[in-house]
């Protein structure tokens, strides 16, 4: 989030976009479909519309995001806007952002993580894994947060503790 841009307003816009990827685990198409009315700073929430693959949901904003989103909505977005659009995230030309532009914005950050495949999808996957495996949020809640329609989709993100499994196997099936 510290990367500099040659265009004045893109720093805040990019920080908003990255924060939605990291804190809410949104998919690129969900970010592209966000409308201005979907962000409710008074209640500290963002409403995500459903799609063929994902359920609709209302997610809480992290306190760090509140000032960032406030500045984007009241200063940066009006400066970027070049017509009439209700879309939340805009390009430097004032048009609604598209999925390819989100991927292009993440692309230059790959150098920071040379050993990882970095794109919006892998960021989302990491966020879901973190919710399940590090924060130990229950599977049903993570399914809601991620917008998954089926529990099996969320279960794929559970990391198996191989040393614990090896210990159980050795306990119940000792080698002869």
Protein backbone atom coordinates (compact mmCIF):
# COMPACT_ATOMS: atom_id res chain seq x y z
CA UNK A 1 0.00 0.00 0.00
CA UNK A 2 3.07 2.24 0.16
CA UNK A 3 3.77 2.20 -3.59
CA UNK A 4 3.91 5.60 -5.27
CA UNK A 5 1.91 6.44 -8.39
CA UNK A 6 2.58 9.07 -10.98
CA UNK A 7 -1.08 10.09 -10.94
CA UNK A 8 -2.13 12.10 -7.89
CA UNK A 9 -5.41 10.39 -7.01
CA UNK A 10 -4.47 6.81 -7.76
CA UNK A 11 -2.65 6.26 -4.45
CA UNK A 12 -5.85 6.55 -2.43
CA UNK A 13 -7.90 4.67 -5.02
CA UNK A 14 -5.37 1.81 -5.10
CA UNK A 15 -5.24 1.66 -1.31
CA UNK A 16 -9.04 1.39 -1.22
CA UNK A 17 -8.95 -1.38 -3.80
CA UNK A 18 -6.18 -3.31 -2.00
CA UNK A 19 -7.96 -2.91 1.34
CA UNK A 20 -11.12 -4.46 -0.14
CA UNK A 21 -9.04 -7.39 -1.40
CA UNK A 22 -7.22 -7.89 1.90
CA UNK A 23 -9.80 -7.13 4.58
CA UNK A 24 -13.03 -8.29 2.92
CA UNK A 25 -11.54 -10.91 0.59
CA UNK A 26 -13.50 -9.63 -2.40
CA UNK A 27 -13.16 -11.08 -5.88
CA UNK A 28 -12.18 -8.75 -8.75
CA UNK A 29 -15.63 -8.84 -10.33
CA UNK A 30 -17.23 -7.97 -6.98
CA UNK A 31 -15.03 -4.89 -6.71
CA UNK A 32 -15.83 -3.91 -10.30
CA UNK A 33 -19.58 -4.22 -9.58
CA UNK A 34 -19.50 -2.18 -6.35
CA UNK A 35 -21.68 0.92 -6.52
CA UNK A 36 -21.22 4.05 -4.43
CA UNK A 37 -24.45 3.30 -2.53
CA UNK A 38 -23.06 -0.13 -1.51
CA UNK A 39 -20.55 1.47 0.87
CA UNK A 40 -22.20 2.60 4.10
CA UNK A 41 -19.71 4.52 6.24
CA UNK A 42 -22.34 5.33 8.88
CA UNK A 43 -22.79 1.63 9.65
CA UNK A 44 -19.24 0.64 8.67
CA UNK A 45 -20.38 -1.90 6.07
CA UNK A 46 -20.07 -2.73 2.41
CA UNK A 47 -22.84 -4.57 0.55
CA UNK A 48 -21.69 -7.12 -2.02
CA UNK A 49 -24.19 -8.06 -4.73
CA UNK A 50 -24.69 -11.74 -5.46
CA UNK A 51 -23.66 -13.37 -8.71
CA UNK A 52 -24.02 -16.76 -10.38
CA UNK A 53 -21.14 -18.10 -8.28
CA UNK A 54 -21.30 -16.08 -5.06
CA UNK A 55 -24.01 -15.09 -2.59
CA UNK A 56 -24.86 -11.52 -1.69
CA UNK A 57 -23.60 -10.37 1.67
CA UNK A 58 -22.94 -7.36 3.87
CA UNK A 59 -19.43 -7.21 5.29
CA UNK A 60 -18.05 -5.06 8.06
CA UNK A 61 -15.33 -2.57 7.29
CA UNK A 62 -12.13 -2.60 9.34
CA UNK A 63 -11.58 0.62 11.35
CA UNK A 64 -8.44 1.37 9.26
CA UNK A 65 -10.65 1.55 6.17
CA UNK A 66 -13.07 4.16 7.45
CA UNK A 67 -10.87 7.25 6.95
CA UNK A 68 -9.43 5.83 3.73
CA UNK A 69 -12.91 5.24 2.27
CA UNK A 70 -14.17 8.59 3.55
CA UNK A 71 -11.30 10.39 1.78
CA UNK A 72 -11.85 8.38 -1.39
CA UNK A 73 -15.61 9.03 -1.48
CA UNK A 74 -15.41 12.75 -0.64
CA UNK A 75 -12.18 13.86 -2.33
CA UNK A 76 -10.55 11.36 -4.67
CA UNK A 77 -13.57 9.88 -6.42
CA UNK A 78 -15.13 13.28 -7.28
CA UNK A 79 -11.73 14.37 -8.69
CA UNK A 80 -11.52 11.22 -10.85
CA UNK A 81 -15.14 11.27 -12.04
CA UNK A 82 -15.50 12.54 -15.64
CA UNK A 83 -19.18 12.01 -16.25
CA UNK A 84 -21.96 10.23 -14.50
CA UNK A 85 -21.28 6.86 -12.91
CA UNK A 86 -22.57 5.17 -9.79
CA UNK A 87 -19.67 2.68 -9.73
CA UNK A 88 -17.49 2.92 -6.65
CA UNK A 89 -13.99 2.36 -8.06
CA UNK A 90 -12.99 4.52 -11.03
CA UNK A 91 -10.01 4.49 -13.39
CA UNK A 92 -7.64 7.43 -13.83
CA UNK A 93 -9.83 8.45 -16.79
CA UNK A 94 -12.95 8.56 -14.61
CA UNK A 95 -14.52 5.39 -16.01
CA UNK A 96 -15.76 2.44 -13.93
CA UNK A 97 -12.94 0.00 -13.28
CA UNK A 98 -13.02 -3.42 -14.95
CA UNK A 99 -11.55 -6.76 -13.83
CA UNK A 100 -8.55 -6.49 -16.18
CA UNK A 101 -7.66 -3.08 -14.72
CA UNK A 102 -7.72 -4.54 -11.21
CA UNK A 103 -5.33 -7.28 -12.31
CA UNK A 104 -3.12 -4.68 -14.03
CA UNK A 105 -3.01 -2.64 -10.82
CA UNK A 106 -1.80 -5.67 -8.82
CA UNK A 107 0.75 -6.77 -11.47
CA UNK A 108 3.52 -4.27 -10.51
CA UNK A 109 3.36 -5.51 -6.91
CA UNK A 110 4.57 -8.98 -7.92
CA UNK A 111 8.18 -7.90 -7.38
CA UNK A 112 7.49 -7.55 -3.66
CA UNK A 113 6.63 -11.27 -3.51
CA UNK A 114 8.95 -12.99 -6.00
CA UNK A 115 8.29 -16.47 -4.62
CA UNK A 116 4.50 -16.13 -4.88
CA UNK A 117 1.95 -15.95 -7.66
CA UNK A 118 0.32 -12.61 -6.91
CA UNK A 119 -3.04 -11.65 -8.39
CA UNK A 120 -6.45 -10.69 -6.95
CA UNK A 121 -7.57 -14.34 -6.93
CA UNK A 122 -4.55 -15.55 -4.91
CA UNK A 123 -5.02 -12.64 -2.48
CA UNK A 124 -8.65 -13.72 -1.96
CA UNK A 125 -7.55 -17.32 -1.47
CA UNK A 126 -4.98 -16.24 1.13
CA UNK A 127 -7.57 -14.20 2.99
CA UNK A 128 -9.99 -17.15 3.14
CA UNK A 129 -7.17 -19.48 4.30
CA UNK A 130 -6.23 -16.94 6.97
CA UNK A 131 -9.80 -16.72 8.24
CA UNK A 132 -10.05 -20.50 8.53
CA UNK A 133 -6.55 -21.56 9.59
CA UNK A 134 -5.06 -18.62 11.49
CA UNK A 135 -8.04 -16.77 12.93
CA UNK A 136 -9.97 -20.05 13.42
CA UNK A 137 -13.25 -18.51 12.28
CA UNK A 138 -15.91 -21.26 12.02
CA UNK A 139 -16.43 -22.77 8.57
CA UNK A 140 -20.05 -21.55 8.32
CA UNK A 141 -19.03 -17.96 9.09
CA UNK A 142 -16.17 -18.05 6.57
CA UNK A 143 -18.61 -19.41 3.99
CA UNK A 144 -20.81 -16.34 4.62
CA UNK A 145 -17.85 -13.92 4.54
CA UNK A 146 -16.54 -15.37 1.28
CA UNK A 147 -20.01 -15.57 -0.28
CA UNK A 148 -19.61 -19.25 -1.13
CA UNK A 149 -22.86 -20.99 -1.99
CA UNK A 150 -21.67 -24.43 -0.86
CA UNK A 151 -19.73 -25.46 2.29
CA UNK A 152 -17.52 -27.71 0.16
CA UNK A 153 -16.13 -24.68 -1.63
CA UNK A 154 -14.99 -23.22 1.68
CA UNK A 155 -13.70 -26.56 3.04
CA UNK A 156 -11.10 -26.66 0.26
CA UNK A 157 -9.23 -23.87 2.07
CA UNK A 158 -8.70 -25.82 5.29
CA UNK A 159 -5.02 -26.71 5.68
CA UNK A 160 -4.38 -30.14 7.07
CA UNK A 161 -1.84 -30.36 9.87
CA UNK A 162 0.30 -33.24 8.57
CA UNK A 163 2.40 -33.63 11.74
CA UNK A 164 -0.79 -33.99 13.80
CA UNK A 165 -2.16 -36.56 11.35
CA UNK A 166 1.13 -38.49 11.41
CA UNK A 167 0.99 -38.53 15.21
CA UNK A 168 -2.57 -39.91 15.16
CA UNK A 169 -1.67 -42.60 12.63
CA UNK A 170 1.36 -43.66 14.67
CA UNK A 171 -0.72 -43.75 17.85
CA UNK A 172 -3.49 -45.95 16.42
CA UNK A 173 -1.43 -47.90 13.89
CA UNK A 174 2.05 -48.29 15.37
CA UNK A 175 4.71 -49.80 13.14
CA UNK A 176 5.61 -53.32 13.97
